[in-house]
Amino acid sequence: MVIETKNTKLKQELIQNENDNAIIDWSNKTIGELSNFSNGYGFRPSDWSKEGLPIIRIQNLNGSEEFNYFNGIPDESWLVEPGTILFAWAGTRGVSFGPTIWNGPRAVLNQHIYRIIPRKGVNFLWLYRALQFATKEIEQSAHGFKATLLHVRKEEITSQVILFPPLAEQKAIATALSDVDTLITSLDKLIAKKRDIKQATMQQLLTGKTRLPGFSGEWEVKKLGEIAEIDNDNLNSNTPSDYSFKYISLEDVDTGVLRKYAEINFRDAPSRARRKVKKNDILFSTVRPNLKSHLYIIDDMSNLVCSTGFSVLRCYQTIVDSSYVYFHLFADEIEKQIESLLTGSNYPAINSRDVKTLQIPFPPLPEQQAISAILTDMDAEITALERKRDKTRALKQGMMQELLTGKTRLI
């Protein structure tokens, strides 16, 4: 058999597997040999209605439940039933581009999306997994006007060669991968539930609506500028050009998680790389603060510098627990104050002066520490669940590599 694929590694793998007696009952097939593709229709605004069948667009593959509707007589090739495989041939890499299973209502299909129907002898769920596995290869031949926005021609999908096992083994592979997906979904739901519980707990404990045993008395209200130094420690123009540091930009922080940092010299650093950071400092994102890209520095990291897009709060340790203040940055009351500051602004940002004026309920230090301990424990539980979910996702990727290439056999 002549194997047509641009991926040299995949070609070698297919040839090796073709010659391997262990998978002699598998064959090499193109996606087009295993399924029928039909494209959606280019609905115009004049075709839209307030009732009828919903029109599936790219945004609906990303979870949006906002639809336009078509109230005419659809062509059979446009119709999509729940449980149909769809393939967005124009979309965002890693988000909307590629295959999905439509779990919405009966609908009609817009352009830029293919409806895929498996041929006889092809298991529906196995085909979906095979398409997922082949998507990275398909992306290699994709083209677009931005690095993340892709589109491909039909033949660039249908010509992809994949390994095709007997029907019984297709079903076994699909079941094994679906079981892992079920576990991932259950972990996602549990994490969401734990986050909701934590948010409700914050609302009670950080406002004093619920008091912990052993604590009583009235709370004060303090401005952040009264309980912390804010943006007082910065690199200046006299900093040696060869001074090396770890730099945290706004893009490096995602809702309390430091995703990465850069190690650079002062001479090569961006002009925003100015704020010195120490252990127990709080990085308050002042640019688009509604995204809550704040960070609490728990570890002792030397030579740490962050962007001036953050305000750095260095709390007075004798009167305030830093983590207590940090948890407030994700609470409703601070969010309302920030929204008030942004009202009428053309740019979603606040400054150091604004940060100093933000107010939080302020109990005595022992009660702050007790509240922080509870919320920190809840964070640790959520983090552990997220790690378990991420490991399960990595396991699934490894399983797909093994099962869909025949390296590991289930039958």
Protein backbone atom coordinates (compact mmCIF):
# COMPACT_ATOMS: atom_id res chain seq x y z
CA MET A 1 0.00 0.00 0.00
CA VAL A 2 1.21 3.53 -0.79
CA ILE A 3 0.93 5.68 2.31
CA GLU A 4 0.31 9.37 1.60
CA THR A 5 1.01 11.70 4.52
CA LYS A 6 3.26 14.73 4.99
CA ASN A 7 4.27 13.73 8.51
CA THR A 8 7.47 11.64 8.19
CA LYS A 9 7.25 10.28 11.73
CA LEU A 10 3.63 9.22 11.21
CA LYS A 11 4.49 7.67 7.82
CA GLN A 12 7.27 5.59 9.41
CA GLU A 13 4.89 4.57 12.20
CA LEU A 14 2.22 3.49 9.73
CA ILE A 15 4.72 1.51 7.66
CA GLN A 16 6.15 -0.15 10.77
CA ASN A 17 2.71 -1.02 12.05
CA GLU A 18 1.67 -2.29 8.61
CA ASN A 19 4.58 -4.74 8.70
CA ASP A 20 4.05 -5.69 12.35
CA ASN A 21 2.36 -9.07 12.73
CA ALA A 22 0.85 -7.90 16.04
CA ILE A 23 -1.51 -5.58 14.15
CA ILE A 24 -1.76 -7.45 10.87
CA ASP A 25 -5.56 -7.17 11.10
CA TRP A 26 -5.37 -3.37 11.03
CA SER A 27 -5.23 -1.42 7.77
CA ASN A 28 -4.31 2.09 6.64
CA LYS A 29 -7.31 4.13 5.51
CA THR A 30 -7.92 7.76 4.68
CA ILE A 31 -10.48 9.66 6.73
CA GLY A 32 -12.45 10.10 3.52
CA GLU A 33 -12.67 6.31 3.08
CA LEU A 34 -14.17 5.96 6.56
CA SER A 35 -16.72 8.80 6.59
CA ASN A 36 -18.92 11.12 4.57
CA PHE A 37 -18.42 14.90 4.84
CA SER A 38 -21.05 17.57 4.11
CA ASN A 39 -20.52 21.30 4.50
CA GLY A 40 -22.89 23.73 6.17
CA TYR A 41 -24.79 26.50 4.39
CA GLY A 42 -23.79 30.15 4.27
CA PHE A 43 -26.83 31.61 6.04
CA ARG A 44 -27.27 35.35 5.45
CA PRO A 45 -28.92 37.78 7.91
CA SER A 46 -31.97 37.76 5.63
CA ASP A 47 -32.29 34.00 6.32
CA TRP A 48 -32.43 34.48 10.09
CA SER A 49 -35.61 34.20 12.11
CA LYS A 50 -36.67 34.39 15.76
CA GLU A 51 -37.96 30.81 15.65
CA GLY A 52 -37.34 27.57 13.84
CA LEU A 53 -34.19 25.45 13.87
CA PRO A 54 -31.10 26.94 15.58
CA ILE A 55 -28.16 27.67 13.28
CA ILE A 56 -24.92 26.11 14.53
CA ARG A 57 -22.03 28.54 14.21
CA ILE A 58 -18.42 28.30 15.40
CA GLN A 59 -19.27 30.10 18.65
CA ASN A 60 -21.83 27.39 19.48
CA LEU A 61 -19.09 24.77 19.32
CA ASN A 62 -17.34 26.74 22.09
CA GLY A 63 -20.34 26.55 24.43
CA SER A 64 -22.31 29.66 23.43
CA GLU A 65 -26.08 29.13 23.69
CA GLU A 66 -26.92 32.23 21.66
CA PHE A 67 -28.42 31.20 18.33
CA ASN A 68 -29.85 32.66 15.18
CA TYR A 69 -32.71 30.58 13.78
CA PHE A 70 -33.81 29.32 10.37
CA ASN A 71 -37.55 28.90 9.75
CA GLY A 72 -37.40 27.67 6.14
CA ILE A 73 -37.16 24.21 4.62
CA PRO A 74 -33.59 22.97 5.17
CA ASP A 75 -31.59 20.79 2.82
CA GLU A 76 -30.97 17.36 4.33
CA SER A 77 -27.21 17.95 4.20
CA TRP A 78 -27.53 20.91 6.58
CA LEU A 79 -29.46 19.03 9.27
CA VAL A 80 -27.65 18.07 12.46
CA GLU A 81 -29.11 15.69 15.03
CA PRO A 82 -27.87 15.50 18.64
CA GLY A 83 -24.82 13.23 18.83
CA THR A 84 -23.47 14.10 15.37
CA ILE A 85 -19.73 14.56 14.76
CA LEU A 86 -18.91 18.05 13.51
CA PHE A 87 -15.54 19.37 12.31
CA ALA A 88 -14.84 23.11 12.33
CA TRP A 89 -12.55 23.57 9.33
CA ALA A 90 -12.08 27.28 10.14
CA GLY A 91 -11.42 28.32 13.72
CA THR A 92 -8.98 28.94 16.53
CA ARG A 93 -6.19 26.43 17.12
CA GLY A 94 -6.86 24.44 20.28
CA VAL A 95 -10.28 26.02 20.83
CA SER A 96 -12.78 25.73 17.98
CA PHE A 97 -10.75 24.16 15.15
CA GLY A 98 -11.26 20.42 14.82
CA PRO A 99 -13.84 17.79 15.77
CA THR A 100 -16.60 17.93 18.36
CA ILE A 101 -19.75 15.97 19.13
CA TRP A 102 -22.87 18.11 18.92
CA ASN A 103 -24.88 17.72 22.12
CA GLY A 104 -27.31 20.54 21.46
CA PRO A 105 -30.80 20.42 19.91
CA ARG A 106 -31.71 19.41 16.36
CA ALA A 107 -30.29 22.21 14.21
CA VAL A 108 -28.96 23.33 10.84
CA LEU A 109 -25.31 23.79 10.08
CA ASN A 110 -23.64 27.07 9.13
CA GLN A 111 -20.68 27.26 6.76
CA HIS A 112 -17.11 26.60 7.99
CA ILE A 113 -18.29 23.40 9.71
CA TYR A 114 -18.48 19.88 8.28
CA ARG A 115 -21.02 17.25 9.32
CA ILE A 116 -19.31 13.84 9.46
CA ILE A 117 -21.19 10.56 9.12
CA PRO A 118 -19.26 7.29 9.64
CA ARG A 119 -19.49 4.69 6.89
CA LYS A 120 -20.61 1.11 7.49
CA GLY A 121 -18.22 -0.78 9.74
CA VAL A 122 -16.90 2.38 11.40
CA ASN A 123 -17.74 2.99 15.06
CA PHE A 124 -18.99 6.51 15.69
CA LEU A 125 -17.01 7.16 18.91
CA TRP A 126 -13.85 5.54 17.57
CA LEU A 127 -14.02 7.81 14.51
CA TYR A 128 -14.37 10.86 16.76
CA ARG A 129 -11.25 9.83 18.73
CA ALA A 130 -9.35 9.16 15.52
CA LEU A 131 -10.27 12.62 14.24
CA GLN A 132 -9.09 14.17 17.51
CA PHE A 133 -5.81 12.30 17.17
CA ALA A 134 -5.39 13.34 13.53
CA THR A 135 -6.17 17.03 14.15
CA LYS A 136 -2.57 17.97 15.00
CA GLU A 137 -1.46 16.54 11.68
CA ILE A 138 -4.30 18.34 9.90
CA GLU A 139 -3.23 21.60 11.54
CA GLN A 140 0.19 21.24 9.93
CA SER A 141 -1.39 21.76 6.50
CA ALA A 142 -3.80 24.46 7.69
CA HIS A 143 -3.43 28.06 6.62
CA GLY A 144 -4.82 31.33 7.95
CA PHE A 145 -4.16 35.00 8.44
CA LYS A 146 -3.02 34.65 12.06
CA ALA A 147 -0.96 32.05 13.90
CA THR A 148 -3.98 30.81 15.86
CA LEU A 149 -6.72 31.23 13.23
CA LEU A 150 -6.74 28.32 10.82
CA HIS A 151 -8.73 26.96 7.92
CA VAL A 152 -8.28 23.91 5.71
CA ARG A 153 -9.80 22.49 2.56
CA LYS A 154 -11.93 19.36 2.69
CA GLU A 155 -9.31 17.24 0.93
CA GLU A 156 -6.70 18.23 3.52
CA ILE A 157 -8.84 16.42 6.09
CA THR A 158 -10.19 13.52 4.07
CA SER A 159 -6.78 12.59 2.65
CA GLN A 160 -5.26 12.04 6.10
CA VAL A 161 -4.23 8.43 6.63
CA ILE A 162 -5.13 6.73 9.90
CA LEU A 163 -4.83 3.19 11.22
CA PHE A 164 -8.12 1.31 11.00
CA PRO A 165 -8.78 -1.62 13.38
CA PRO A 166 -11.61 -4.17 13.19
CA LEU A 167 -14.99 -3.04 14.49
CA ALA A 168 -14.79 -4.93 17.79
CA GLU A 169 -11.47 -3.27 18.61
CA GLN A 170 -12.79 0.14 17.54
CA LYS A 171 -15.55 -0.25 20.13
CA ALA A 172 -13.09 -1.34 22.83
CA ILE A 173 -10.82 1.65 22.15
CA ALA A 174 -13.76 4.08 22.16
CA THR A 175 -15.06 2.65 25.45
CA ALA A 176 -11.66 2.89 27.17
CA LEU A 177 -11.19 6.53 26.13
CA SER A 178 -14.79 7.40 27.04
CA ASP A 179 -14.24 5.97 30.53
CA VAL A 180 -11.28 8.33 31.00
CA ASP A 181 -13.37 11.23 29.69
CA THR A 182 -16.07 10.37 32.24
CA LEU A 183 -13.47 10.59 35.02
CA ILE A 184 -12.20 13.95 33.72
CA THR A 185 -15.76 15.30 33.53
CA SER A 186 -16.51 14.15 37.09
CA LEU A 187 -13.33 15.88 38.32
CA ASP A 188 -14.28 19.08 36.46
CA LYS A 189 -17.69 19.05 38.15
CA LEU A 190 -16.16 18.38 41.57
CA ILE A 191 -13.64 21.21 41.12
CA ALA A 192 -16.43 23.61 40.09
CA LYS A 193 -18.45 22.57 43.14
CA LYS A 194 -15.47 23.08 45.48
CA ARG A 195 -14.83 26.52 43.96
CA ASP A 196 -18.45 27.51 44.52
CA ILE A 197 -18.26 26.34 48.13
CA LYS A 198 -15.06 28.32 48.64
CA GLN A 199 -16.61 31.47 47.14
CA ALA A 200 -19.63 31.14 49.43
CA THR A 201 -17.31 30.57 52.40
CA MET A 202 -15.33 33.69 51.51
CA GLN A 203 -18.54 35.72 51.35
CA GLN A 204 -19.41 34.61 54.88
CA LEU A 205 -16.01 34.71 56.59
CA LEU A 206 -14.44 37.77 54.94
CA THR A 207 -17.45 39.97 55.70
CA GLY A 208 -17.95 38.82 59.30
CA LYS A 209 -21.44 37.48 58.52
CA THR A 210 -20.23 34.17 59.96
CA ARG A 211 -17.78 34.25 62.86
CA LEU A 212 -15.44 31.44 63.77
CA PRO A 213 -15.70 29.89 67.27
CA GLY A 214 -13.80 31.83 69.91
CA PHE A 215 -13.98 35.23 68.18
CA SER A 216 -16.28 38.13 68.92
CA GLY A 217 -16.31 41.93 68.89
CA GLU A 218 -16.73 44.52 66.17
CA TRP A 219 -14.52 44.66 63.12
CA GLU A 220 -12.91 47.79 61.75
CA VAL A 221 -12.77 48.85 58.11
CA LYS A 222 -9.31 49.67 56.72
CA LYS A 223 -7.99 51.04 53.46
CA LEU A 224 -5.27 48.96 51.83
CA GLY A 225 -2.99 52.00 52.06
CA GLU A 226 -3.31 51.83 55.86
CA ILE A 227 -2.22 48.22 56.21
CA ALA A 228 0.43 47.83 53.49
CA GLU A 229 3.22 49.59 51.66
CA ILE A 230 2.16 49.87 48.03
CA ASP A 231 4.65 50.19 45.15
CA ASN A 232 7.42 51.55 47.37
CA ASP A 233 10.24 49.24 46.20
CA ASN A 234 11.28 49.68 42.55
CA LEU A 235 14.28 49.37 40.28
CA ASN A 236 15.60 52.78 39.23
CA SER A 237 17.71 54.12 36.38
CA ASN A 238 20.91 53.45 38.37
CA THR A 239 20.32 49.71 38.32
CA PRO A 240 23.38 47.94 36.79
CA SER A 241 22.70 46.91 33.21
CA ASP A 242 23.88 43.35 33.92
CA TYR A 243 21.59 42.90 36.92
CA SER A 244 19.82 39.57 36.34
CA PHE A 245 16.32 38.91 37.67
CA LYS A 246 13.18 36.83 37.29
CA TYR A 247 10.50 38.90 35.57
CA ILE A 248 6.74 38.38 35.98
CA SER A 249 4.56 40.02 33.34
CA LEU A 250 0.78 40.37 33.39
CA GLU A 251 0.49 37.49 30.92
CA ASP A 252 2.41 35.18 33.27
CA VAL A 253 -0.29 35.18 35.95
CA ASP A 254 -3.64 33.44 35.67
CA THR A 255 -6.07 33.95 38.59
CA GLY A 256 -3.64 33.29 41.41
CA VAL A 257 -1.34 30.95 39.47
CA LEU A 258 2.12 31.85 38.22
CA ARG A 259 2.32 30.08 34.85
CA LYS A 260 5.87 31.15 34.00
CA TYR A 261 8.45 33.92 34.31
CA ALA A 262 11.40 35.16 32.27
CA GLU A 263 15.02 35.41 33.40
CA ILE A 264 16.49 38.57 31.90
CA ASN A 265 19.08 41.31 32.45
CA PHE A 266 18.10 44.89 33.19
CA ARG A 267 19.55 46.09 29.87
CA ASP A 268 17.19 43.77 27.96
CA ALA A 269 14.16 44.20 30.18
CA PRO A 270 10.98 45.99 29.08
CA SER A 271 10.40 49.42 30.60
CA ARG A 272 7.55 47.99 32.71
CA ALA A 273 9.90 45.60 34.55
CA ARG A 274 10.41 47.75 37.63
CA ARG A 275 8.60 46.55 40.77
CA LYS A 276 10.71 44.51 43.23
CA VAL A 277 8.94 41.55 44.78
CA LYS A 278 9.62 39.60 47.99
CA LYS A 279 8.12 36.67 49.86
CA ASN A 280 4.60 37.43 51.23
CA ASP A 281 4.10 40.28 48.75
CA ILE A 282 0.78 40.49 46.89
CA LEU A 283 0.70 41.33 43.19
CA PHE A 284 -2.51 43.23 42.47
CA SER A 285 -3.29 43.36 38.75
CA THR A 286 -4.26 46.96 38.00
CA VAL A 287 -4.72 46.42 34.25
CA ARG A 288 -8.09 44.77 33.55
CA PRO A 289 -8.46 44.04 37.26
CA ASN A 290 -11.80 42.35 36.57
CA LEU A 291 -9.77 39.37 35.24
CA LYS A 292 -8.37 38.96 38.79
CA SER A 293 -4.86 38.04 37.64
CA HIS A 294 -3.54 38.58 41.16
CA LEU A 295 -0.75 36.58 42.80
CA TYR A 296 0.43 35.86 46.34
CA ILE A 297 4.16 35.19 46.62
CA ILE A 298 4.39 32.27 49.04
CA ASP A 299 7.90 31.07 48.19
CA ASP A 300 11.15 32.87 48.89
CA MET A 301 12.36 33.71 45.37
CA SER A 302 15.41 35.91 45.06
CA ASN A 303 15.75 38.71 42.48
CA LEU A 304 12.06 38.76 41.59
CA VAL A 305 10.64 41.72 39.64
CA CYS A 306 7.16 42.27 38.23
CA SER A 307 5.52 44.56 35.72
CA THR A 308 4.21 48.00 36.65
CA GLY A 309 0.89 46.56 35.49
CA PHE A 310 0.79 45.19 39.03
CA SER A 311 0.67 47.08 42.30
CA VAL A 312 2.84 45.33 44.88
CA LEU A 313 1.33 45.21 48.36
CA ARG A 314 3.78 44.56 51.20
CA CYS A 315 1.59 44.12 54.26
CA TYR A 316 2.58 45.29 57.76
CA GLN A 317 3.08 41.85 59.32
CA THR A 318 2.50 43.00 62.90
CA ILE A 319 -1.14 43.91 62.21
CA VAL A 320 -2.23 42.04 59.10
CA ASP A 321 -2.03 38.55 57.59
CA SER A 322 -1.01 38.87 53.94
CA SER A 323 -3.10 35.91 52.77
CA TYR A 324 -6.18 37.43 54.44
CA VAL A 325 -5.75 40.55 52.28
CA TYR A 326 -5.05 38.40 49.21
CA PHE A 327 -8.31 36.46 49.57
CA HIS A 328 -10.19 39.77 49.66
CA LEU A 329 -8.94 40.57 46.14
CA PHE A 330 -11.23 37.80 44.86
CA ALA A 331 -14.22 38.75 47.00
CA ASP A 332 -17.36 40.58 45.92
CA GLU A 333 -16.76 43.76 47.93
CA ILE A 334 -13.41 44.58 46.32
CA GLU A 335 -14.88 43.78 42.89
CA LYS A 336 -17.70 46.29 43.45
CA GLN A 337 -15.25 49.01 44.50
CA ILE A 338 -13.11 48.39 41.41
CA GLU A 339 -16.17 48.52 39.13
CA SER A 340 -17.04 51.88 40.67
CA LEU A 341 -13.55 53.18 39.93
CA LEU A 342 -13.73 51.99 36.33
CA THR A 343 -17.12 53.53 35.61
CA GLY A 344 -16.77 56.10 32.84
CA SER A 345 -13.17 55.13 32.10
CA ASN A 346 -12.11 54.47 28.52
CA TYR A 347 -9.43 52.01 29.64
CA PRO A 348 -10.03 49.21 32.17
CA ALA A 349 -7.23 50.02 34.59
CA ILE A 350 -6.69 51.54 38.01
CA ASN A 351 -3.52 52.98 39.58
CA SER A 352 -1.59 52.83 42.84
CA ARG A 353 -3.63 55.69 44.32
CA ASP A 354 -6.82 53.79 43.60
CA VAL A 355 -5.47 50.62 45.18
CA LYS A 356 -4.63 52.49 48.38
CA THR A 357 -8.26 53.63 48.73
CA LEU A 358 -9.80 50.15 48.48
CA GLN A 359 -11.38 49.10 51.78
CA ILE A 360 -11.69 45.72 53.47
CA PRO A 361 -13.29 44.51 56.73
CA PHE A 362 -10.51 44.24 59.29
CA PRO A 363 -10.70 41.88 62.29
CA PRO A 364 -7.85 41.40 64.80
CA LEU A 365 -4.81 39.52 63.51
CA PRO A 366 -5.61 36.13 65.18
CA GLU A 367 -9.03 36.06 63.49
CA GLN A 368 -7.49 37.03 60.15
CA GLN A 369 -5.08 34.10 60.49
CA ALA A 370 -7.87 31.67 61.41
CA ILE A 371 -9.93 32.74 58.38
CA SER A 372 -6.90 32.49 56.10
CA ALA A 373 -6.11 28.98 57.36
CA ILE A 374 -9.58 27.73 56.39
CA LEU A 375 -9.49 29.30 52.94
CA THR A 376 -5.92 28.12 52.34
CA ASP A 377 -6.95 24.54 53.15
CA MET A 378 -9.82 24.84 50.65
CA ASP A 379 -7.39 26.14 48.02
CA ALA A 380 -5.07 23.20 48.68
CA GLU A 381 -7.93 20.74 48.15
CA ILE A 382 -8.89 22.40 44.86
CA THR A 383 -5.26 22.44 43.69
CA ALA A 384 -4.92 18.72 44.46
CA LEU A 385 -8.05 17.97 42.40
CA GLU A 386 -6.76 20.11 39.52
CA ARG A 387 -3.47 18.21 39.53
CA LYS A 388 -5.35 14.90 39.49
CA ARG A 389 -7.47 16.11 36.56
CA ASP A 390 -4.40 17.34 34.65
CA LYS A 391 -2.63 14.01 35.19
CA THR A 392 -5.73 12.21 33.95
CA ARG A 393 -5.79 14.39 30.83
CA ALA A 394 -2.12 13.58 30.21
CA LEU A 395 -2.91 9.89 30.72
CA LYS A 396 -5.68 10.15 28.14
CA GLN A 397 -3.28 11.66 25.58
CA GLY A 398 -0.87 8.82 26.19
CA MET A 399 -3.68 6.28 25.86
CA MET A 400 -4.75 7.79 22.53
CA GLN A 401 -1.18 7.50 21.24
CA GLU A 402 -0.99 3.86 22.32
CA LEU A 403 -4.48 2.69 21.40
CA LEU A 404 -5.04 4.53 18.12
CA THR A 405 -1.68 3.44 16.69
CA GLY A 406 -2.03 -0.21 17.78
CA LYS A 407 1.00 -0.07 20.09
CA THR A 408 -1.25 -1.30 22.89
CA ARG A 409 -3.99 -3.78 22.02
CA LEU A 410 -7.24 -4.24 23.96
CA ILE A 411 -8.34 -7.32 22.04
